[in-house]
N, C-alpha and C. Protein backbone atom coordinates (compact mmCIF):
# COMPACT_ATOMS: atom_id res chain seq x y z
N UNK A 1 12.55 25.24 -16.46
CA UNK A 1 12.71 24.95 -15.04
C UNK A 1 12.27 23.80 -14.75
N UNK A 2 13.24 23.25 -13.79
CA UNK A 2 13.35 21.75 -13.51
C UNK A 2 12.40 21.65 -12.45
N UNK A 3 11.32 20.62 -12.24
CA UNK A 3 10.36 20.39 -11.19
C UNK A 3 11.37 19.78 -10.12
N UNK A 4 10.72 20.21 -8.75
CA UNK A 4 11.48 19.48 -7.76
C UNK A 4 11.52 18.31 -7.45
N UNK A 5 12.39 17.58 -6.99
CA UNK A 5 12.53 16.30 -7.10
C UNK A 5 13.01 15.39 -5.83
N UNK A 6 12.50 14.22 -5.27
CA UNK A 6 12.55 14.07 -3.84
C UNK A 6 13.10 12.67 -3.95
N UNK A 7 13.95 12.28 -3.01
CA UNK A 7 14.64 10.70 -3.00
C UNK A 7 13.62 10.33 -1.96
N UNK A 8 12.93 9.39 -2.31
CA UNK A 8 11.98 8.32 -1.60
C UNK A 8 12.56 6.93 -1.37
N UNK A 9 11.92 6.51 -0.58
CA UNK A 9 11.96 4.74 -0.60
C UNK A 9 10.94 3.85 -1.08
N UNK A 10 10.88 3.38 -2.31
CA UNK A 10 9.61 2.97 -2.82
C UNK A 10 9.61 1.24 -2.83
N UNK A 11 8.33 0.84 -2.60
CA UNK A 11 8.45 -0.87 -2.64
C UNK A 11 8.46 -0.97 -4.01
N UNK A 12 9.54 -2.07 -4.37
CA UNK A 12 9.83 -2.29 -5.82
C UNK A 12 8.46 -2.91 -6.40
N UNK A 13 7.91 -2.81 -7.66
CA UNK A 13 7.02 -2.96 -8.33
C UNK A 13 6.99 -4.23 -9.06
N UNK A 14 5.98 -4.84 -9.50
CA UNK A 14 6.12 -6.03 -10.50
C UNK A 14 5.26 -5.74 -11.61
N UNK A 15 4.57 -4.51 -11.65
CA UNK A 15 3.74 -4.07 -12.95
C UNK A 15 4.29 -3.00 -13.13
N UNK A 16 4.46 -2.75 -14.56
CA UNK A 16 5.03 -1.89 -15.37
C UNK A 16 4.02 -0.92 -15.93
N UNK A 17 4.37 0.36 -16.40
CA UNK A 17 3.24 1.14 -16.90
C UNK A 17 2.34 0.49 -18.15
N UNK A 18 3.68 0.08 -18.95
CA UNK A 18 2.91 -0.48 -20.13
C UNK A 18 2.14 -2.01 -19.85
N UNK A 19 2.57 -2.77 -18.96
CA UNK A 19 1.59 -3.73 -18.32
C UNK A 19 0.17 -3.31 -17.49
N UNK A 20 0.18 -2.30 -17.15
CA UNK A 20 -1.06 -1.73 -16.65
C UNK A 20 -1.84 -1.45 -17.74
N UNK A 21 -1.58 -0.71 -18.47
CA UNK A 21 -2.04 -0.35 -20.07
C UNK A 21 -2.77 -1.50 -20.44
N UNK A 22 -1.95 -2.43 -20.63
CA UNK A 22 -2.31 -3.82 -21.46
C UNK A 22 -3.63 -4.73 -20.44
N UNK A 23 -3.64 -4.47 -19.19
CA UNK A 23 -4.41 -5.18 -18.43
C UNK A 23 -5.59 -4.70 -18.47
N UNK A 24 -5.72 -3.18 -18.31
CA UNK A 24 -6.62 -2.53 -18.62
C UNK A 24 -7.52 -2.55 -19.83
N UNK A 25 -6.76 -2.62 -20.99
CA UNK A 25 -7.28 -2.77 -22.16
C UNK A 25 -7.81 -3.94 -22.57
N UNK A 26 -7.12 -5.17 -21.98
CA UNK A 26 -7.66 -6.55 -21.97
C UNK A 26 -8.75 -6.81 -21.04
N UNK A 27 -9.06 -6.05 -19.95
CA UNK A 27 -10.21 -6.08 -19.29
C UNK A 27 -11.47 -5.19 -19.55
N UNK A 28 -11.33 -4.13 -20.45
CA UNK A 28 -12.36 -3.32 -20.75
C UNK A 28 -12.97 -3.30 -22.18
N UNK A 29 -11.75 -4.00 -23.13
CA UNK A 29 -11.88 -4.29 -24.36
C UNK A 29 -11.52 -2.86 -25.36
N UNK A 30 -11.22 -1.92 -24.49
CA UNK A 30 -10.83 -0.56 -25.08
C UNK A 30 -9.63 -0.86 -25.70
N UNK A 31 -8.97 -0.36 -26.96
CA UNK A 31 -7.84 -0.58 -27.09
C UNK A 31 -7.17 0.97 -27.14
N UNK A 32 -7.67 1.85 -27.03
CA UNK A 32 -7.74 3.47 -26.86
C UNK A 32 -7.54 3.70 -25.57
N UNK A 33 -6.62 3.01 -24.77
CA UNK A 33 -6.66 3.66 -23.31
C UNK A 33 -5.10 4.56 -23.08
N UNK A 34 -5.53 5.46 -22.24
CA UNK A 34 -4.35 6.50 -22.11
C UNK A 34 -3.68 6.14 -20.67
N UNK A 35 -2.53 6.83 -20.37
CA UNK A 35 -2.09 6.55 -19.17
C UNK A 35 -1.77 8.13 -18.60
N UNK A 36 -2.19 8.20 -17.39
CA UNK A 36 -2.25 9.62 -16.64
C UNK A 36 -1.07 9.87 -15.53
N UNK A 37 -0.42 10.72 -15.07
CA UNK A 37 0.69 10.81 -14.32
C UNK A 37 0.40 9.92 -13.27
N UNK A 38 1.51 9.09 -12.74
CA UNK A 38 1.40 7.82 -11.89
C UNK A 38 1.33 8.73 -10.42
N UNK A 39 0.80 8.09 -9.45
CA UNK A 39 0.58 8.65 -7.99
C UNK A 39 1.60 7.66 -7.25
N UNK A 40 2.29 8.56 -6.28
CA UNK A 40 3.32 7.48 -5.38
C UNK A 40 2.59 7.96 -4.00
N UNK A 41 2.07 6.87 -3.31
CA UNK A 41 1.52 7.00 -2.19
C UNK A 41 2.52 6.72 -0.91
N UNK A 42 2.30 7.41 0.28
CA UNK A 42 3.18 7.24 1.31
C UNK A 42 2.31 6.17 2.33
N UNK A 43 2.95 5.35 3.08
CA UNK A 43 2.80 4.35 3.93
C UNK A 43 3.57 4.44 5.02
N UNK A 44 3.09 4.34 6.44
CA UNK A 44 4.00 4.06 7.21
C UNK A 44 4.13 2.79 7.35
N UNK A 45 5.33 2.04 7.58
CA UNK A 45 5.63 0.67 7.52
C UNK A 45 5.90 0.03 8.79
N UNK A 46 5.45 -0.73 9.29
CA UNK A 46 5.37 -1.29 10.83
C UNK A 46 5.84 -3.03 10.59
N UNK A 47 6.91 -3.16 11.59
CA UNK A 47 7.05 -4.68 11.68
C UNK A 47 6.27 -5.13 12.80
N UNK A 48 5.50 -6.06 12.98
CA UNK A 48 4.47 -6.57 14.09
C UNK A 48 4.86 -7.99 14.46
N UNK A 49 5.24 -7.87 15.82
CA UNK A 49 5.09 -9.08 16.48
C UNK A 49 4.19 -9.38 17.11
N UNK A 50 3.76 -10.80 17.12
CA UNK A 50 2.80 -11.43 18.10
C UNK A 50 3.27 -12.55 18.75
N UNK A 51 2.52 -12.52 19.73
CA UNK A 51 3.01 -13.55 20.99
C UNK A 51 1.75 -14.23 21.11
N UNK A 52 1.36 -15.49 20.60
CA UNK A 52 -0.13 -16.19 20.73
C UNK A 52 -0.05 -17.31 21.57
N UNK A 53 -0.74 -17.58 22.34
CA UNK A 53 -0.84 -18.76 23.31
C UNK A 53 -1.28 -20.03 22.41
N UNK A 54 -0.58 -20.99 22.87
CA UNK A 54 -0.82 -22.49 22.15
C UNK A 54 -0.61 -23.28 23.27
N UNK A 55 -1.06 -24.90 22.75
CA UNK A 55 -1.12 -25.82 23.86
C UNK A 55 0.32 -25.92 24.46
N UNK A 56 1.35 -25.62 23.96
CA UNK A 56 2.71 -25.92 24.18
C UNK A 56 3.53 -24.83 24.50
N UNK A 57 2.81 -23.64 25.02
CA UNK A 57 3.32 -22.31 25.34
C UNK A 57 2.97 -21.29 24.48
N UNK A 58 3.84 -20.31 24.19
CA UNK A 58 3.58 -19.20 23.16
C UNK A 58 4.22 -19.47 22.14
N UNK A 59 3.53 -18.81 20.99
CA UNK A 59 4.45 -18.77 19.74
C UNK A 59 4.24 -17.20 19.23
N UNK A 60 5.50 -17.07 18.53
CA UNK A 60 5.74 -16.03 17.86
C UNK A 60 5.63 -15.71 16.51
N UNK A 61 4.76 -14.79 16.10
CA UNK A 61 4.47 -14.73 14.83
C UNK A 61 4.52 -12.98 14.18
N UNK A 62 5.58 -13.35 13.26
CA UNK A 62 5.75 -11.68 12.91
C UNK A 62 5.11 -11.62 11.46
N UNK A 63 4.66 -10.18 11.15
CA UNK A 63 4.11 -9.52 9.94
C UNK A 63 4.51 -8.24 9.90
N UNK A 64 4.09 -7.75 8.69
CA UNK A 64 4.29 -6.62 8.07
C UNK A 64 3.06 -5.67 8.04
N UNK A 65 2.97 -4.27 8.46
CA UNK A 65 1.76 -3.71 8.51
C UNK A 65 1.94 -2.36 7.99
N UNK A 66 1.27 -2.09 6.99
CA UNK A 66 1.27 -0.65 6.16
C UNK A 66 -0.06 0.04 6.61
N UNK A 67 0.45 1.59 6.80
CA UNK A 67 -0.69 2.13 7.27
C UNK A 67 -0.60 3.36 6.16
N UNK A 68 -1.72 3.78 5.48
CA UNK A 68 -1.64 4.50 4.34
C UNK A 68 -1.72 5.89 5.13
N UNK A 69 -0.58 6.70 4.80
CA UNK A 69 -0.31 8.05 5.13
C UNK A 69 -1.27 8.88 4.84
N UNK A 70 -1.90 8.84 3.81
CA UNK A 70 -2.88 9.87 3.51
C UNK A 70 -4.23 9.73 4.29
N UNK A 71 -4.61 8.53 4.26
CA UNK A 71 -5.85 8.52 5.01
C UNK A 71 -6.06 7.48 5.98
N UNK A 72 -5.09 6.98 6.39
CA UNK A 72 -5.21 6.27 7.64
C UNK A 72 -5.74 4.75 7.82
N UNK A 73 -5.75 4.23 6.84
CA UNK A 73 -6.17 2.87 6.44
C UNK A 73 -4.87 1.78 6.40
N UNK A 74 -5.14 1.03 7.54
CA UNK A 74 -4.06 -0.14 7.86
C UNK A 74 -4.41 -1.54 6.91
N UNK A 75 -3.17 -1.99 6.60
CA UNK A 75 -3.38 -3.22 6.01
C UNK A 75 -2.23 -4.14 6.41
N UNK A 76 -2.27 -5.69 6.66
CA UNK A 76 -1.03 -6.26 6.49
C UNK A 76 -0.74 -6.45 5.29
N UNK A 77 0.73 -6.88 5.04
CA UNK A 77 1.16 -6.78 3.74
C UNK A 77 2.23 -8.30 3.81
N UNK A 78 2.54 -8.85 2.52
CA UNK A 78 3.62 -9.71 2.18
C UNK A 78 4.80 -9.05 2.32
N UNK A 79 6.01 -9.88 2.52
CA UNK A 79 7.02 -9.12 2.53
C UNK A 79 7.47 -8.60 1.24
N UNK A 80 8.31 -7.46 0.80
CA UNK A 80 8.36 -6.84 -0.19
C UNK A 80 10.06 -6.11 -0.17
N UNK A 81 10.26 -5.66 -1.37
CA UNK A 81 11.80 -5.39 -1.47
C UNK A 81 11.43 -3.98 -1.83
N UNK A 82 12.53 -3.31 -1.19
CA UNK A 82 12.39 -1.67 -1.24
C UNK A 82 13.70 -1.19 -2.16
N UNK A 83 13.49 0.16 -2.72
CA UNK A 83 14.62 0.58 -3.20
C UNK A 83 14.63 2.60 -3.05
N UNK A 84 15.52 2.79 -3.14
CA UNK A 84 15.55 4.54 -3.07
C UNK A 84 15.35 4.84 -4.64
N UNK A 85 14.32 5.83 -4.60
CA UNK A 85 14.38 6.30 -6.04
C UNK A 85 14.13 7.93 -6.05
N UNK A 86 14.53 8.60 -7.18
CA UNK A 86 14.54 10.02 -6.86
C UNK A 86 13.08 10.41 -8.04
N UNK A 87 12.01 10.71 -7.25
CA UNK A 87 10.75 11.35 -8.01
C UNK A 87 10.27 12.77 -7.85
N UNK A 88 9.72 13.18 -9.03
CA UNK A 88 9.24 14.50 -9.19
C UNK A 88 8.33 14.64 -7.57
N UNK A 89 8.31 15.73 -7.00
CA UNK A 89 7.83 15.92 -5.75
C UNK A 89 6.37 15.92 -5.98
N UNK A 90 5.79 16.50 -7.21
CA UNK A 90 4.43 16.48 -7.39
C UNK A 90 3.54 15.32 -7.67
N UNK A 91 4.31 14.25 -7.84
CA UNK A 91 3.68 12.76 -7.92
C UNK A 91 3.44 12.30 -6.35
N UNK A 92 4.24 12.86 -5.28
CA UNK A 92 3.91 12.47 -4.08
C UNK A 92 2.59 12.71 -3.33
N UNK A 93 1.80 12.10 -2.92
CA UNK A 93 0.95 12.29 -2.12
C UNK A 93 1.42 12.86 -0.70
N UNK A 94 0.44 13.78 -0.29
CA UNK A 94 1.15 14.56 1.14
C UNK A 94 0.84 13.40 2.22
N UNK A 95 1.64 13.46 3.33
CA UNK A 95 1.34 12.80 4.35
C UNK A 95 0.03 13.37 5.40
N UNK A 96 -0.73 12.93 5.84
CA UNK A 96 -2.04 13.78 6.46
C UNK A 96 -2.07 13.17 8.02
N UNK A 97 -1.50 12.07 8.26
CA UNK A 97 -1.63 11.47 9.56
C UNK A 97 -0.26 11.62 10.25
N UNK A 98 -0.09 11.39 11.61
CA UNK A 98 1.23 11.37 12.08
C UNK A 98 1.60 10.06 12.56
N UNK A 99 2.81 10.05 13.07
CA UNK A 99 3.36 8.38 13.26
C UNK A 99 2.63 7.82 14.31
N UNK A 100 2.49 8.70 15.19
CA UNK A 100 1.69 8.42 16.77
C UNK A 100 0.18 7.40 16.10
N UNK A 101 -0.42 8.20 15.45
CA UNK A 101 -1.76 7.55 14.89
C UNK A 101 -1.71 6.61 13.95
N UNK A 102 -0.60 6.47 13.55
CA UNK A 102 -0.37 5.35 12.47
C UNK A 102 0.18 4.45 13.38
N UNK A 103 0.64 4.43 14.23
CA UNK A 103 1.14 3.15 14.91
C UNK A 103 -0.11 2.53 15.64
N UNK A 104 -1.05 3.44 16.06
CA UNK A 104 -1.99 3.07 16.75
C UNK A 104 -2.98 2.30 15.95
N UNK A 105 -3.07 2.89 14.84
CA UNK A 105 -3.92 2.17 13.37
C UNK A 105 -3.11 0.61 13.36
N UNK A 106 -1.75 0.63 13.28
CA UNK A 106 -1.05 -0.48 12.94
C UNK A 106 -1.55 -1.55 14.09
N UNK A 107 -1.56 -1.09 15.49
CA UNK A 107 -1.70 -1.96 16.58
C UNK A 107 -3.32 -2.75 15.99
N UNK A 108 -4.19 -1.83 15.97
CA UNK A 108 -5.56 -2.07 15.69
C UNK A 108 -5.62 -2.94 14.67
N UNK A 109 -5.12 -2.72 13.58
CA UNK A 109 -5.05 -3.57 12.39
C UNK A 109 -4.85 -5.14 12.45
N UNK A 110 -3.51 -5.12 13.05
CA UNK A 110 -2.72 -6.37 13.26
C UNK A 110 -3.54 -7.17 14.25
N UNK A 111 -4.05 -6.72 15.14
CA UNK A 111 -5.01 -7.21 16.34
C UNK A 111 -6.42 -7.81 15.52
N UNK A 112 -6.66 -7.02 15.03
CA UNK A 112 -8.04 -7.27 14.27
C UNK A 112 -7.51 -8.74 13.38
N UNK A 113 -6.51 -8.60 12.22
CA UNK A 113 -6.18 -9.50 11.48
C UNK A 113 -5.73 -10.72 12.31
N UNK A 114 -5.18 -10.87 13.19
CA UNK A 114 -4.93 -11.96 13.98
C UNK A 114 -5.82 -12.74 14.67
N UNK A 115 -6.65 -11.93 15.50
CA UNK A 115 -8.16 -12.25 15.76
C UNK A 115 -8.80 -12.97 14.67
N UNK A 116 -9.19 -12.62 13.55
CA UNK A 116 -9.86 -13.07 12.30
C UNK A 116 -8.99 -14.31 12.00
N UNK A 117 -7.61 -14.37 11.59
CA UNK A 117 -7.12 -15.56 11.17
C UNK A 117 -6.97 -16.53 12.34
N UNK A 118 -6.92 -16.19 13.78
CA UNK A 118 -6.52 -17.31 14.62
C UNK A 118 -7.93 -17.61 15.35
N UNK A 119 -9.13 -17.09 15.01
CA UNK A 119 -10.51 -17.09 15.76
C UNK A 119 -10.13 -17.43 17.15
N UNK A 120 -9.51 -16.89 17.61
CA UNK A 120 -9.23 -16.91 19.19
C UNK A 120 -10.00 -15.88 20.01
N UNK A 121 -10.19 -16.53 21.15
CA UNK A 121 -10.70 -15.92 22.32
C UNK A 121 -9.56 -15.43 23.41
N UNK A 122 -8.58 -16.42 23.58
CA UNK A 122 -7.55 -16.10 24.34
C UNK A 122 -6.61 -14.62 24.11
N UNK A 123 -6.35 -14.37 25.15
CA UNK A 123 -5.21 -12.93 24.66
C UNK A 123 -4.11 -13.24 23.74
N UNK A 124 -3.70 -12.36 22.89
CA UNK A 124 -2.22 -12.56 22.51
C UNK A 124 -1.81 -11.05 22.43
N UNK A 125 -0.57 -11.07 22.30
CA UNK A 125 0.27 -9.66 22.55
C UNK A 125 0.54 -9.38 21.21
N UNK A 126 0.46 -8.09 20.80
CA UNK A 126 1.09 -7.30 19.28
C UNK A 126 1.69 -6.27 20.01
N UNK A 127 2.93 -6.27 19.50
CA UNK A 127 4.11 -5.00 19.41
C UNK A 127 4.26 -4.63 18.09
N UNK A 128 4.30 -3.24 17.86
CA UNK A 128 4.39 -2.70 16.59
C UNK A 128 5.77 -1.79 16.67
N UNK A 129 6.81 -1.95 15.70
CA UNK A 129 7.88 -1.25 15.81
C UNK A 129 8.16 -0.58 14.14
N UNK A 130 8.07 0.55 13.96
CA UNK A 130 7.97 1.58 13.10
C UNK A 130 9.47 1.13 12.22
N UNK A 131 9.14 1.16 10.93
CA UNK A 131 10.17 0.91 10.03
C UNK A 131 10.31 2.20 9.19
N UNK A 132 9.53 3.47 9.34
CA UNK A 132 9.59 4.43 8.55
C UNK A 132 8.50 4.62 7.42
N UNK A 133 8.54 5.52 6.71
CA UNK A 133 7.94 5.47 5.23
C UNK A 133 8.47 4.98 4.21
N UNK A 134 7.34 4.31 3.56
CA UNK A 134 7.98 3.42 2.30
C UNK A 134 6.79 4.23 1.08
N UNK A 135 6.85 3.85 -0.10
CA UNK A 135 6.01 4.51 -0.91
C UNK A 135 5.60 3.55 -1.91
N UNK A 136 4.50 3.50 -2.47
CA UNK A 136 3.93 2.58 -3.50
C UNK A 136 3.75 3.42 -4.56
N UNK A 137 4.15 3.04 -5.59
CA UNK A 137 3.69 3.57 -7.15
C UNK A 137 2.15 2.89 -7.66
N UNK A 138 1.14 3.76 -7.92
CA UNK A 138 -0.01 3.43 -8.77
C UNK A 138 0.00 3.96 -10.10
N UNK A 139 -0.45 3.45 -11.17
CA UNK A 139 -0.62 3.94 -12.23
C UNK A 139 -2.21 3.95 -12.58
N UNK A 140 -2.52 5.17 -13.10
CA UNK A 140 -4.07 5.58 -13.36
C UNK A 140 -4.27 5.61 -14.90
N UNK A 141 -4.80 4.70 -15.14
CA UNK A 141 -5.18 4.26 -16.62
C UNK A 141 -6.76 4.52 -16.97
N UNK A 142 -6.96 5.46 -18.24
CA UNK A 142 -8.19 6.22 -18.86
C UNK A 142 -8.37 5.33 -19.70
N UNK A 143 -9.79 4.75 -19.68
CA UNK A 143 -10.22 4.06 -20.80
C UNK A 143 -11.66 5.09 -21.42
N UNK A 144 -12.45 4.74 -22.31
CA UNK A 144 -13.66 5.50 -22.69
C UNK A 144 -14.66 5.16 -21.80
N UNK A 145 -14.61 4.20 -21.04
CA UNK A 145 -15.57 3.45 -19.95
C UNK A 145 -15.45 3.77 -18.49
N UNK A 146 -14.11 4.01 -18.49
CA UNK A 146 -13.70 3.72 -16.76
C UNK A 146 -12.17 4.26 -16.48
N UNK A 147 -12.09 4.72 -15.48
CA UNK A 147 -10.77 5.23 -14.89
C UNK A 147 -10.15 4.24 -13.94
N UNK A 148 -9.09 3.63 -13.93
CA UNK A 148 -8.65 2.67 -13.03
C UNK A 148 -7.36 2.84 -12.39
N UNK A 149 -7.21 2.72 -11.16
CA UNK A 149 -5.82 2.78 -10.59
C UNK A 149 -5.41 1.28 -10.39
N UNK A 150 -4.32 1.15 -11.09
CA UNK A 150 -3.23 -0.24 -10.82
C UNK A 150 -2.07 -0.10 -9.71
N UNK A 151 -2.38 -1.23 -9.09
CA UNK A 151 -1.43 -1.06 -7.97
C UNK A 151 0.14 -1.72 -8.38
N UNK A 152 1.17 -1.11 -8.72
CA UNK A 152 2.08 -1.58 -9.22
C UNK A 152 2.78 -2.74 -8.68
N UNK A 153 2.66 -2.73 -7.38
CA UNK A 153 3.10 -4.10 -6.49
C UNK A 153 2.38 -5.42 -6.80
N UNK A 154 1.15 -5.11 -6.49
CA UNK A 154 0.19 -6.52 -6.61
C UNK A 154 -0.45 -6.79 -8.18
N UNK A 155 -0.94 -5.46 -8.86
CA UNK A 155 -1.49 -5.37 -10.18
C UNK A 155 -2.81 -5.50 -9.71
N UNK A 156 -3.43 -5.32 -8.46
CA UNK A 156 -4.70 -5.20 -8.20
C UNK A 156 -5.41 -3.89 -8.77
N UNK A 157 -6.55 -3.90 -9.04
CA UNK A 157 -7.21 -3.19 -9.69
C UNK A 157 -8.18 -2.14 -8.90
N UNK A 158 -8.46 -0.59 -8.93
CA UNK A 158 -9.21 -0.02 -8.23
C UNK A 158 -10.04 1.03 -9.11
N UNK A 159 -11.38 0.73 -9.45
CA UNK A 159 -12.12 1.94 -10.13
C UNK A 159 -12.04 3.02 -9.34
N UNK A 160 -12.00 4.21 -10.35
CA UNK A 160 -12.26 5.49 -9.74
C UNK A 160 -13.21 6.16 -10.62
N UNK A 161 -13.72 7.43 -9.91
CA UNK A 161 -14.92 8.07 -10.77
C UNK A 161 -14.12 8.65 -11.90
N UNK A 162 -14.95 8.74 -12.80
CA UNK A 162 -14.69 9.41 -14.27
C UNK A 162 -14.59 10.72 -13.89
N UNK A 163 -13.82 11.47 -14.30
CA UNK A 163 -13.74 13.13 -14.24
C UNK A 163 -15.32 13.69 -14.81
N UNK A 164 -15.74 14.62 -14.08
CA UNK A 164 -16.61 15.38 -14.59
C UNK A 164 -16.62 16.07 -16.26
N UNK A 165 -17.55 15.86 -16.88
CA UNK A 165 -17.19 16.60 -18.40
C UNK A 165 -17.01 17.73 -18.25
């Protein structure tokens, strides 16, 4: 019996599963690491446009904001390439927050980031425009000492709890 497949839009990764294994192996010193099934995370993607006051008038700044559709955490992102892929439905994490809540989180995230980046007291305007759902692939690598999630786009590492024995 074939497992259910879904076509989704995925952020093109720069880290393969083999590179994820090598990265964790080199960091842990463990040569006996294993790869668990990948996880494909859903994100709401927004184009954010900010109008910022300057001495010469207003300046427009554009950026991308991703809101984790599983737990509602927002972050700005560098530009990325997208592609359509057919993946096993069981690898896709479910979407837990709705698009209105995601837009609210994106607005807060961008406002906070711009405030930090520009260190401004003056007001700036932020508008977010939804681009839809995009997905990111994460590799889960298990070593004898650690369980690590590797972001296929950035190569960043996120330690996970080891499973109970």
